[in-house]
Amino acid sequence: MSELNSSPPKDPRFTKTIKDDFKKIKVKDDIGQEYKELKDYYLSEERKRKLESMGGCRKFFVIPWWLLKALFFRLTPFRRILLLIAIVSILISSNNQINNENVNINLVTPALIGGLIFLFILALELKDKLLAKTELEEGKAIQQALMPERSPKIQGWDIWLFTRSANDVGGDLLDFIKLGDNKYSVAVGDVAGKGLSAALLMAKLQSTIRALAYDYLSLEELGNKLNRIFHRDSPAKIFASMIYAELSTDSGTIKFINAGHFPPILIRKEKIEQLKKVAPALGIILDSVFTEQVVSLGQNDFMVIYSDGLTEAQNEIGDFFGEARLIKLLQNIQNKSSQQLGEFILSNVDLFIGKTPAHDDLTLVVLKKS
């Protein structure tokens, strides 16, 4: 009954919204960040390289011109014509001299028309953005529904799984599969590219792994089959790195294959060991061979698996977080649970990057033998 009687949400009040906006914004920081994002999005790599050799005065005029050109040519033909009409209307108005004592309303009309056309174009572009955002949010909801439980309960193991996307949807793979009463698998992967295209390929790879994982006695066979399918069904020059690992409740043994992914890190009482990458990523070479690797964890030992969004996270001056910094973090982690270790790593990454927007998806898996 309460749902039937509930009234629809009211539109926000204009004056209150503007007041709240003024409280939230930091003019200098916001303008700088928005301008940087405009350059990153609209300027090609070639033009970014040219800017490096220019002086500050020349950049001041060149960058806005390049941004306007890029914006103009990304509009639809109809909106480009509208924009030209708006610009011409404003230029005509500016060339007219208006007598302050007797304003001729006809002279103001071209400027008014130009302003209204600008608002109309803005409304059309905003409509496109909101439609696309709605679709991406729906895709993100589906991605999240496909994600495994963050802390699955397995006898003899303490496991923590985490992933976050740089954009609305991501291209990192994270999955956890129960293969039998005492047998489980973890898959971590990274599809080349970003955004929707990478997310679609990631979803296909995840479904392929789930379809095949139960039917293969050998991880080599599974890796070979996954590679052939990904090579066959993906666009040219698209690949995916992947680690697929199997473990059981009976022992601390982990069997895995590494297809061009960052090697996992083992943390033992005596030392930290970075394992080897022994095969190319999926989709690069049709007849690649994926050799099974085996490691054995003792009590309180860890295996850490991560994607490049962790070590290649960048701060405001462009420095990478890096493998050396990660390994140094892992040297003093006594008495931590898998979740505590994972959150410790993430907090250090976030502290390192500061306000810099994430450039890549980040996935982190921590396996601890309890």
Protein backbone atom coordinates (compact mmCIF):
# COMPACT_ATOMS: atom_id res chain seq x y z
CA MET A 1 0.00 0.00 0.00
CA SER A 2 2.83 2.37 0.79
CA GLU A 3 4.17 1.98 -2.73
CA LEU A 4 0.74 2.76 -4.22
CA ASN A 5 0.37 5.91 -2.14
CA SER A 6 3.89 7.17 -2.69
CA SER A 7 4.11 10.27 -4.84
CA PRO A 8 6.57 10.54 -7.75
CA PRO A 9 9.86 12.29 -6.97
CA LYS A 10 9.75 16.05 -7.41
CA ASP A 11 12.05 17.92 -9.75
CA PRO A 12 14.93 19.62 -7.91
CA ARG A 13 14.47 23.31 -7.14
CA PHE A 14 16.51 25.56 -9.39
CA THR A 15 17.78 28.02 -6.78
CA LYS A 16 18.68 25.29 -4.27
CA THR A 17 20.55 23.33 -6.94
CA ILE A 18 22.60 26.39 -7.96
CA LYS A 19 23.44 27.18 -4.32
CA ASP A 20 24.55 23.58 -3.74
CA ASP A 21 26.65 23.67 -6.91
CA PHE A 22 28.50 26.78 -5.76
CA LYS A 23 29.27 25.08 -2.45
CA LYS A 24 30.67 21.97 -4.16
CA ILE A 25 32.82 23.42 -6.91
CA LYS A 26 36.46 24.41 -6.63
CA VAL A 27 36.83 26.70 -9.62
CA LYS A 28 40.57 26.41 -10.23
CA ASP A 29 40.77 22.65 -9.66
CA ASP A 30 37.58 21.88 -11.60
CA ILE A 31 38.51 24.02 -14.62
CA GLY A 32 41.99 22.49 -14.72
CA GLN A 33 40.66 18.95 -14.50
CA GLU A 34 37.94 19.48 -17.10
CA TYR A 35 40.40 21.14 -19.51
CA LYS A 36 42.85 18.27 -19.09
CA GLU A 37 40.11 15.72 -19.82
CA LEU A 38 39.09 17.67 -22.94
CA LYS A 39 42.66 17.51 -24.27
CA ASP A 40 43.01 13.82 -23.41
CA TYR A 41 39.79 12.96 -25.23
CA TYR A 42 39.79 15.23 -28.28
CA LEU A 43 43.47 15.54 -29.19
CA SER A 44 45.14 12.75 -31.15
CA GLU A 45 48.45 11.25 -30.04
CA GLU A 46 50.16 13.00 -32.95
CA ARG A 47 48.90 16.42 -31.83
CA LYS A 48 49.87 15.69 -28.22
CA ARG A 49 53.41 15.00 -29.41
CA LYS A 50 53.47 18.26 -31.39
CA LEU A 51 52.42 20.20 -28.28
CA GLU A 52 55.51 18.97 -26.44
CA SER A 53 57.74 20.97 -28.79
CA MET A 54 55.66 24.18 -28.68
CA GLY A 55 56.18 27.20 -26.50
CA GLY A 56 53.62 28.25 -23.92
CA CYS A 57 52.35 31.26 -25.89
CA ARG A 58 51.72 29.24 -29.04
CA LYS A 59 50.00 26.47 -27.07
CA PHE A 60 47.62 29.05 -25.60
CA PHE A 61 46.17 29.70 -29.08
CA VAL A 62 46.70 26.32 -30.76
CA ILE A 63 45.01 24.10 -28.17
CA PRO A 64 41.59 25.87 -28.21
CA TRP A 65 41.64 25.89 -32.03
CA TRP A 66 42.39 22.15 -32.19
CA LEU A 67 39.70 21.43 -29.59
CA LEU A 68 37.11 23.43 -31.56
CA LYS A 69 38.01 21.63 -34.79
CA ALA A 70 37.80 18.22 -33.12
CA LEU A 71 34.45 19.12 -31.57
CA PHE A 72 33.09 20.45 -34.88
CA PHE A 73 33.95 17.35 -36.91
CA ARG A 74 32.50 14.99 -34.27
CA LEU A 75 29.06 16.57 -34.56
CA THR A 76 26.47 15.10 -36.90
CA PRO A 77 26.05 16.91 -40.27
CA PHE A 78 22.79 18.54 -39.13
CA ARG A 79 24.36 19.81 -35.90
CA ARG A 80 27.42 21.12 -37.77
CA ILE A 81 25.14 23.23 -39.99
CA LEU A 82 23.28 24.49 -36.92
CA LEU A 83 26.56 25.43 -35.27
CA LEU A 84 27.66 27.39 -38.36
CA ILE A 85 24.33 29.26 -38.40
CA ALA A 86 24.74 30.09 -34.70
CA ILE A 87 28.28 31.40 -35.20
CA VAL A 88 27.28 33.51 -38.22
CA SER A 89 24.30 34.93 -36.32
CA ILE A 90 26.50 36.02 -33.41
CA LEU A 91 29.10 37.53 -35.76
CA ILE A 92 26.41 39.53 -37.59
CA SER A 93 25.09 40.84 -34.29
CA SER A 94 28.56 41.87 -33.10
CA ASN A 95 29.15 43.92 -36.25
CA ASN A 96 26.05 46.05 -35.64
CA GLN A 97 26.38 49.20 -33.56
CA ILE A 98 23.46 49.53 -31.16
CA ASN A 99 22.42 52.96 -29.99
CA ASN A 100 22.06 52.74 -26.22
CA GLU A 101 19.33 55.38 -26.19
CA ASN A 102 17.18 53.69 -28.80
CA VAL A 103 17.88 49.96 -29.05
CA ASN A 104 16.63 48.42 -32.26
CA ILE A 105 15.28 45.01 -31.32
CA ASN A 106 16.01 43.71 -34.84
CA LEU A 107 19.73 44.11 -34.20
CA VAL A 108 19.55 41.92 -31.08
CA THR A 109 17.68 39.13 -32.85
CA PRO A 110 20.69 37.48 -34.56
CA ALA A 111 22.53 37.11 -31.24
CA LEU A 112 19.38 35.72 -29.61
CA ILE A 113 18.94 33.23 -32.45
CA GLY A 114 22.58 32.16 -32.18
CA GLY A 115 22.29 31.64 -28.42
CA LEU A 116 19.11 29.58 -28.78
CA ILE A 117 20.75 27.42 -31.44
CA PHE A 118 23.73 26.82 -29.15
CA LEU A 119 21.33 25.74 -26.39
CA PHE A 120 19.51 23.44 -28.82
CA ILE A 121 22.77 21.77 -29.89
CA LEU A 122 23.78 21.40 -26.24
CA ALA A 123 20.42 19.76 -25.45
CA LEU A 124 20.85 17.30 -28.34
CA GLU A 125 24.39 16.38 -27.26
CA LEU A 126 23.29 15.99 -23.64
CA LYS A 127 20.42 13.75 -24.73
CA ASP A 128 22.86 11.48 -26.59
CA LYS A 129 25.16 11.36 -23.58
CA LEU A 130 22.35 10.49 -21.16
CA LEU A 131 21.03 7.75 -23.43
CA ALA A 132 24.51 6.25 -23.72
CA LYS A 133 25.05 6.57 -19.97
CA THR A 134 21.78 4.76 -19.26
CA GLU A 135 22.83 1.88 -21.49
CA LEU A 136 26.28 1.75 -19.86
CA GLU A 137 24.73 1.74 -16.40
CA GLU A 138 22.55 -1.20 -17.41
CA GLY A 139 25.65 -2.96 -18.73
CA LYS A 140 27.50 -2.20 -15.49
CA ALA A 141 24.63 -3.67 -13.46
CA ILE A 142 24.85 -6.88 -15.50
CA GLN A 143 28.63 -6.99 -15.06
CA GLN A 144 28.27 -6.62 -11.31
CA ALA A 145 25.66 -9.37 -11.24
CA LEU A 146 28.17 -11.69 -12.96
CA MET A 147 30.89 -10.91 -10.42
CA PRO A 148 31.67 -13.55 -7.79
CA GLU A 149 31.26 -13.12 -4.06
CA ARG A 150 34.10 -11.01 -2.69
CA SER A 151 35.05 -13.45 0.11
CA PRO A 152 33.98 -16.97 -0.89
CA LYS A 153 34.11 -19.54 1.92
CA ILE A 154 36.35 -22.54 1.21
CA GLN A 155 37.62 -24.96 3.81
CA GLY A 156 41.35 -24.49 4.36
CA TRP A 157 41.54 -21.22 2.41
CA ASP A 158 41.07 -17.50 3.02
CA ILE A 159 40.22 -15.82 -0.31
CA TRP A 160 39.49 -12.21 -1.28
CA LEU A 161 38.44 -11.08 -4.76
CA PHE A 162 38.22 -7.47 -5.96
CA THR A 163 37.75 -5.60 -9.22
CA ARG A 164 36.86 -2.05 -10.21
CA SER A 165 36.45 -0.44 -13.61
CA ALA A 166 38.13 2.73 -14.81
CA ASN A 167 35.00 3.52 -16.84
CA ASP A 168 31.32 2.61 -16.53
CA VAL A 169 32.05 -0.89 -17.77
CA GLY A 170 35.37 -2.70 -17.69
CA GLY A 171 37.48 -5.19 -19.61
CA ASP A 172 38.97 -7.06 -16.66
CA LEU A 173 37.87 -10.63 -16.03
CA LEU A 174 37.28 -11.94 -12.52
CA ASP A 175 35.47 -15.19 -11.85
CA PHE A 176 35.23 -17.89 -9.22
CA ILE A 177 33.81 -21.31 -10.10
CA LYS A 178 32.92 -24.31 -7.96
CA LEU A 179 34.02 -27.29 -10.05
CA GLY A 180 33.13 -30.01 -7.53
CA ASP A 181 32.64 -30.77 -3.86
CA ASN A 182 36.22 -29.84 -3.00
CA LYS A 183 37.56 -28.28 -6.19
CA TYR A 184 37.40 -24.61 -7.19
CA SER A 185 38.87 -22.29 -9.81
CA VAL A 186 39.73 -18.60 -10.05
CA ALA A 187 40.08 -16.75 -13.35
CA VAL A 188 41.69 -13.33 -13.75
CA GLY A 189 42.07 -11.68 -17.13
CA ASP A 190 42.52 -8.42 -18.98
CA VAL A 191 41.08 -7.86 -22.45
CA ALA A 192 42.99 -5.40 -24.63
CA GLY A 193 41.27 -2.04 -24.86
CA LYS A 194 38.79 -0.26 -22.63
CA GLY A 195 35.12 0.46 -22.30
CA LEU A 196 32.23 -1.32 -23.94
CA SER A 197 34.16 -3.29 -26.58
CA ALA A 198 36.51 -4.75 -23.96
CA ALA A 199 33.57 -5.48 -21.64
CA LEU A 200 31.75 -7.44 -24.36
CA LEU A 201 34.83 -9.53 -25.13
CA MET A 202 35.41 -10.09 -21.41
CA ALA A 203 31.83 -11.35 -20.98
CA LYS A 204 32.31 -13.73 -23.90
CA LEU A 205 35.60 -15.02 -22.46
CA GLN A 206 33.99 -15.53 -19.06
CA SER A 207 31.11 -17.51 -20.55
CA THR A 208 33.55 -19.60 -22.60
CA ILE A 209 35.60 -20.46 -19.50
CA ARG A 210 32.46 -21.45 -17.60
CA ALA A 211 31.29 -23.61 -20.50
CA LEU A 212 34.62 -25.48 -20.84
CA ALA A 213 36.05 -25.62 -17.31
CA TYR A 214 34.06 -28.69 -16.23
CA ASP A 215 34.99 -30.85 -19.23
CA TYR A 216 38.81 -30.71 -19.29
CA LEU A 217 41.07 -32.94 -17.24
CA SER A 218 44.18 -30.96 -18.22
CA LEU A 219 44.77 -27.23 -17.86
CA GLU A 220 46.93 -27.36 -20.98
CA GLU A 221 43.95 -28.60 -22.98
CA LEU A 222 41.70 -25.95 -21.50
CA GLY A 223 44.18 -23.18 -22.30
CA ASN A 224 44.65 -24.40 -25.87
CA LYS A 225 40.89 -24.56 -26.46
CA LEU A 226 40.27 -21.12 -24.97
CA ASN A 227 43.03 -19.66 -27.14
CA ARG A 228 41.63 -21.15 -30.35
CA ILE A 229 38.12 -19.90 -29.59
CA PHE A 230 39.30 -16.39 -28.64
CA HIS A 231 41.55 -16.23 -31.72
CA ARG A 232 38.65 -17.31 -33.95
CA ASP A 233 35.96 -15.05 -32.52
CA SER A 234 37.82 -11.81 -31.69
CA PRO A 235 38.68 -8.90 -34.00
CA ALA A 236 42.19 -8.79 -35.45
CA LYS A 237 44.97 -7.63 -33.09
CA ILE A 238 42.75 -8.05 -30.02
CA PHE A 239 44.08 -10.29 -27.27
CA ALA A 240 43.43 -11.12 -23.63
CA SER A 241 45.87 -12.01 -20.88
CA MET A 242 44.59 -14.57 -18.39
CA ILE A 243 45.48 -16.61 -15.33
CA TYR A 244 43.30 -19.63 -14.64
CA ALA A 245 44.01 -21.38 -11.33
CA GLU A 246 42.53 -24.43 -9.64
CA LEU A 247 42.72 -25.32 -5.95
CA SER A 248 41.10 -27.81 -3.62
CA THR A 249 40.24 -28.15 0.05
CA ASP A 250 42.49 -31.22 0.37
CA SER A 251 45.85 -29.43 0.08
CA GLY A 252 47.68 -26.15 -0.44
CA THR A 253 48.50 -26.99 -4.06
CA ILE A 254 47.49 -24.50 -6.76
CA LYS A 255 47.63 -25.53 -10.42
CA PHE A 256 47.41 -22.73 -12.97
CA ILE A 257 48.15 -21.56 -16.49
CA ASN A 258 49.37 -18.07 -17.33
CA ALA A 259 48.47 -16.70 -20.76
CA GLY A 260 50.56 -13.55 -21.02
CA HIS A 261 49.36 -12.13 -17.70
CA PHE A 262 51.39 -10.46 -14.96
CA PRO A 263 53.01 -13.33 -13.02
CA PRO A 264 51.45 -14.03 -9.61
CA ILE A 265 53.46 -13.23 -6.49
CA LEU A 266 54.02 -15.83 -3.77
CA ILE A 267 54.52 -14.58 -0.23
CA ARG A 268 56.08 -17.13 2.09
CA LYS A 269 57.50 -16.78 5.57
CA GLU A 270 61.06 -16.69 4.23
CA LYS A 271 60.74 -14.82 0.94
CA ILE A 272 58.68 -13.19 -1.80
CA GLU A 273 58.77 -14.91 -5.18
CA GLN A 274 57.48 -13.62 -8.50
CA LEU A 275 56.50 -16.49 -10.79
CA LYS A 276 57.24 -16.66 -14.51
CA LYS A 277 55.14 -15.83 -17.53
CA VAL A 278 55.56 -18.77 -19.90
CA ALA A 279 52.97 -18.33 -22.67
CA PRO A 280 51.57 -15.51 -24.85
CA ALA A 281 48.17 -13.93 -24.30
CA LEU A 282 45.03 -15.52 -25.72
CA GLY A 283 44.33 -14.71 -29.35
CA ILE A 284 47.88 -13.82 -30.45
CA ILE A 285 49.18 -17.16 -31.78
CA LEU A 286 46.70 -19.81 -32.86
CA ASP A 287 48.85 -22.81 -31.89
CA SER A 288 50.21 -21.52 -28.58
CA VAL A 289 50.91 -24.08 -25.86
CA PHE A 290 49.90 -23.26 -22.30
CA THR A 291 51.99 -25.18 -19.79
CA GLU A 292 50.53 -26.01 -16.40
CA GLN A 293 52.42 -24.59 -13.42
CA VAL A 294 52.12 -25.94 -9.87
CA VAL A 295 52.88 -24.21 -6.57
CA SER A 296 52.33 -25.37 -3.02
CA LEU A 297 51.37 -22.97 -0.25
CA GLY A 298 52.08 -23.67 3.39
CA GLN A 299 49.98 -22.34 6.24
CA ASN A 300 49.69 -18.52 6.13
CA ASP A 301 51.37 -18.33 2.72
CA PHE A 302 49.81 -16.05 0.07
CA MET A 303 49.42 -15.95 -3.70
CA VAL A 304 48.60 -12.50 -5.10
CA ILE A 305 47.18 -12.18 -8.63
CA TYR A 306 46.56 -8.74 -10.14
CA SER A 307 45.92 -6.89 -13.38
CA ASP A 308 47.97 -4.07 -14.88
CA GLY A 309 45.59 -1.49 -13.43
CA LEU A 310 47.46 -1.97 -10.15
CA THR A 311 51.13 -1.68 -11.11
CA GLU A 312 50.45 0.74 -13.98
CA ALA A 313 48.34 3.11 -11.87
CA GLN A 314 49.70 6.64 -12.46
CA ASN A 315 49.93 9.63 -10.17
CA GLU A 316 49.56 13.31 -11.10
CA ILE A 317 53.09 13.59 -12.56
CA GLY A 318 52.79 10.39 -14.63
CA ASP A 319 54.82 8.00 -12.44
CA PHE A 320 53.70 4.38 -12.26
CA PHE A 321 52.97 2.55 -9.02
CA GLY A 322 55.20 -0.25 -10.33
CA GLU A 323 56.09 -3.80 -9.38
CA ALA A 324 58.99 -2.76 -7.16
CA ARG A 325 56.70 -0.63 -4.97
CA LEU A 326 54.17 -3.49 -4.78
CA ILE A 327 56.78 -6.05 -3.73
CA LYS A 328 58.15 -3.68 -1.11
CA LEU A 329 54.64 -3.35 0.35
CA LEU A 330 54.36 -7.12 0.65
CA GLN A 331 57.47 -7.55 2.80
CA ASN A 332 55.81 -6.85 6.16
CA ILE A 333 52.32 -8.34 6.21
CA GLN A 334 52.41 -10.67 9.19
CA ASN A 335 49.08 -11.72 10.67
CA LYS A 336 46.98 -10.18 7.90
CA SER A 337 43.94 -11.88 6.45
CA SER A 338 43.45 -11.99 2.69
CA GLN A 339 40.96 -9.11 2.90
CA GLN A 340 43.28 -7.04 5.10
CA LEU A 341 46.17 -7.58 2.69
CA GLY A 342 44.02 -6.72 -0.34
CA GLU A 343 42.66 -3.55 1.25
CA PHE A 344 46.17 -2.61 2.39
CA ILE A 345 47.42 -2.82 -1.21
CA LEU A 346 44.45 -0.85 -2.57
CA SER A 347 44.76 1.92 0.01
CA ASN A 348 48.41 2.39 -0.95
CA VAL A 349 47.53 2.51 -4.65
CA ASP A 350 44.78 5.08 -4.02
CA LEU A 351 47.11 7.17 -1.87
CA PHE A 352 49.74 7.06 -4.64
CA ILE A 353 47.44 8.18 -7.48
CA GLY A 354 45.69 10.88 -5.44
CA LYS A 355 43.10 12.76 -7.52
CA THR A 356 44.32 11.37 -10.84
CA PRO A 357 41.50 9.52 -12.67
CA ALA A 358 42.11 5.79 -13.14
CA HIS A 359 43.43 4.94 -16.62
CA ASP A 360 42.77 1.20 -16.47
CA ASP A 361 40.64 -1.39 -14.71
CA LEU A 362 42.09 -2.87 -11.54
CA THR A 363 41.62 -6.47 -10.41
CA LEU A 364 43.18 -8.08 -7.35
CA VAL A 365 42.94 -11.63 -5.99
CA VAL A 366 44.50 -12.72 -2.71
CA LEU A 367 44.69 -16.47 -1.92
CA LYS A 368 45.83 -17.42 1.56
CA LYS A 369 46.33 -20.98 2.89
CA SER A 370 44.80 -21.02 6.33
